[in-house]
């Protein structure tokens, strides 16, 4: 009976390790996807940040000109 208990314990440990490895692989893939998205977002921000810095003050000044006086 002791041998059967040890076999069951080792089988459970093996299954647990398999689940743990699968979970870690999934987490690693998720982190890679998040990193890829972050790289793309940073690239987009690099493209639009400078034009926005140029245009926003002009838009703010234009909007202020059309505001009714209080």
C-alpha atoms as a PDB file:
ATOM      1  CA  UNK A   1       0.000   0.000   0.000  1.00  0.00           C
ATOM      2  CA  UNK A   2       2.874   2.381   0.727  1.00  0.00           C
ATOM      3  CA  UNK A   3       4.188   1.963  -2.814  1.00  0.00           C
ATOM      4  CA  UNK A   4       0.766   2.855  -4.247  1.00  0.00           C
ATOM      5  CA  UNK A   5       0.638   5.997  -2.092  1.00  0.00           C
ATOM      6  CA  UNK A   6       4.079   7.044  -3.294  1.00  0.00           C
ATOM      7  CA  UNK A   7       3.104   6.399  -6.914  1.00  0.00           C
ATOM      8  CA  UNK A   8      -0.073   8.457  -6.506  1.00  0.00           C
ATOM      9  CA  UNK A   9       1.879  11.263  -4.857  1.00  0.00           C
ATOM     10  CA  UNK A  10       4.468  11.314  -7.624  1.00  0.00           C
ATOM     11  CA  UNK A  11       1.743  11.244 -10.281  1.00  0.00           C
ATOM     12  CA  UNK A  12       0.002  14.190  -8.630  1.00  0.00           C
ATOM     13  CA  UNK A  13       3.282  16.082  -8.369  1.00  0.00           C
ATOM     14  CA  UNK A  14       3.985  15.421 -12.046  1.00  0.00           C
ATOM     15  CA  UNK A  15       0.528  16.687 -13.027  1.00  0.00           C
ATOM     16  CA  UNK A  16       0.974  19.760 -10.857  1.00  0.00           C
ATOM     17  CA  UNK A  17       4.337  20.515 -12.445  1.00  0.00           C
ATOM     18  CA  UNK A  18       2.816  20.101 -15.911  1.00  0.00           C
ATOM     19  CA  UNK A  19       0.062  22.587 -15.055  1.00  0.00           C
ATOM     20  CA  UNK A  20       2.599  24.970 -13.535  1.00  0.00           C
ATOM     21  CA  UNK A  21       4.834  24.834 -16.616  1.00  0.00           C
ATOM     22  CA  UNK A  22       1.834  25.378 -18.905  1.00  0.00           C
ATOM     23  CA  UNK A  23       0.737  28.346 -16.809  1.00  0.00           C
ATOM     24  CA  UNK A  24       4.219  29.857 -16.883  1.00  0.00           C
ATOM     25  CA  UNK A  25       4.404  29.415 -20.663  1.00  0.00           C
ATOM     26  CA  UNK A  26       1.038  31.136 -21.031  1.00  0.00           C
ATOM     27  CA  UNK A  27       2.171  33.985 -18.797  1.00  0.00           C
ATOM     28  CA  UNK A  28       5.389  34.368 -20.792  1.00  0.00           C
ATOM     29  CA  UNK A  29       3.419  34.512 -24.047  1.00  0.00           C
ATOM     30  CA  UNK A  30       1.061  37.092 -22.553  1.00  0.00           C
ATOM     31  CA  UNK A  31       3.988  39.245 -21.430  1.00  0.00           C
ATOM     32  CA  UNK A  32       5.510  39.018 -24.914  1.00  0.00           C
ATOM     33  CA  UNK A  33       2.208  40.178 -26.421  1.00  0.00           C
ATOM     34  CA  UNK A  34       1.976  43.061 -23.941  1.00  0.00           C
ATOM     35  CA  UNK A  35       5.556  44.050 -24.742  1.00  0.00           C
ATOM     36  CA  UNK A  36       4.821  43.986 -28.485  1.00  0.00           C
ATOM     37  CA  UNK A  37       1.780  46.199 -27.945  1.00  0.00           C
ATOM     38  CA  UNK A  38       3.824  48.605 -25.808  1.00  0.00           C
ATOM     39  CA  UNK A  39       6.479  48.847 -28.520  1.00  0.00           C
ATOM     40  CA  UNK A  40       3.817  49.631 -31.124  1.00  0.00           C
ATOM     41  CA  UNK A  41       2.160  52.233 -28.887  1.00  0.00           C
ATOM     42  CA  UNK A  42       5.503  53.893 -28.179  1.00  0.00           C
ATOM     43  CA  UNK A  43       6.218  54.003 -31.902  1.00  0.00           C
ATOM     44  CA  UNK A  44       2.849  55.652 -32.571  1.00  0.00           C
ATOM     45  CA  UNK A  45       3.428  58.168 -29.792  1.00  0.00           C
ATOM     46  CA  UNK A  46       6.852  58.989 -31.207  1.00  0.00           C
ATOM     47  CA  UNK A  47       5.191  59.765 -34.547  1.00  0.00           C
ATOM     48  CA  UNK A  48       2.393  61.988 -33.236  1.00  0.00           C
ATOM     49  CA  UNK A  49       3.879  63.630 -30.151  1.00  0.00           C
ATOM     50  CA  UNK A  50       5.845  66.384 -31.890  1.00  0.00           C
ATOM     51  CA  UNK A  51       3.073  67.377 -34.334  1.00  0.00           C
ATOM     52  CA  UNK A  52       0.632  67.530 -31.407  1.00  0.00           C
ATOM     53  CA  UNK A  53       2.988  69.741 -29.433  1.00  0.00           C
ATOM     54  CA  UNK A  54       3.065  72.075 -32.423  1.00  0.00           C
ATOM     55  CA  UNK A  55      -0.677  72.090 -33.156  1.00  0.00           C
ATOM     56  CA  UNK A  56      -2.189  72.194 -29.658  1.00  0.00           C
ATOM     57  CA  UNK A  57      -1.057  75.724 -28.752  1.00  0.00           C
ATOM     58  CA  UNK A  58      -2.406  76.982 -32.083  1.00  0.00           C
ATOM     59  CA  UNK A  59      -5.741  75.250 -31.465  1.00  0.00           C
ATOM     60  CA  UNK A  60      -5.929  76.610 -27.924  1.00  0.00           C
ATOM     61  CA  UNK A  61      -5.232  80.141 -29.136  1.00  0.00           C
ATOM     62  CA  UNK A  62      -7.833  79.825 -31.895  1.00  0.00           C
ATOM     63  CA  UNK A  63     -10.441  78.479 -29.472  1.00  0.00           C
ATOM     64  CA  UNK A  64      -9.745  81.344 -27.087  1.00  0.00           C
ATOM     65  CA  UNK A  65     -10.345  83.877 -29.866  1.00  0.00           C
ATOM     66  CA  UNK A  66     -13.819  82.452 -30.501  1.00  0.00           C
ATOM     67  CA  UNK A  67     -14.854  82.333 -26.829  1.00  0.00           C
ATOM     68  CA  UNK A  68     -17.458  84.890 -25.904  1.00  0.00           C
ATOM     69  CA  UNK A  69     -16.230  87.481 -23.433  1.00  0.00           C
ATOM     70  CA  UNK A  70     -17.505  86.904 -19.913  1.00  0.00           C
END
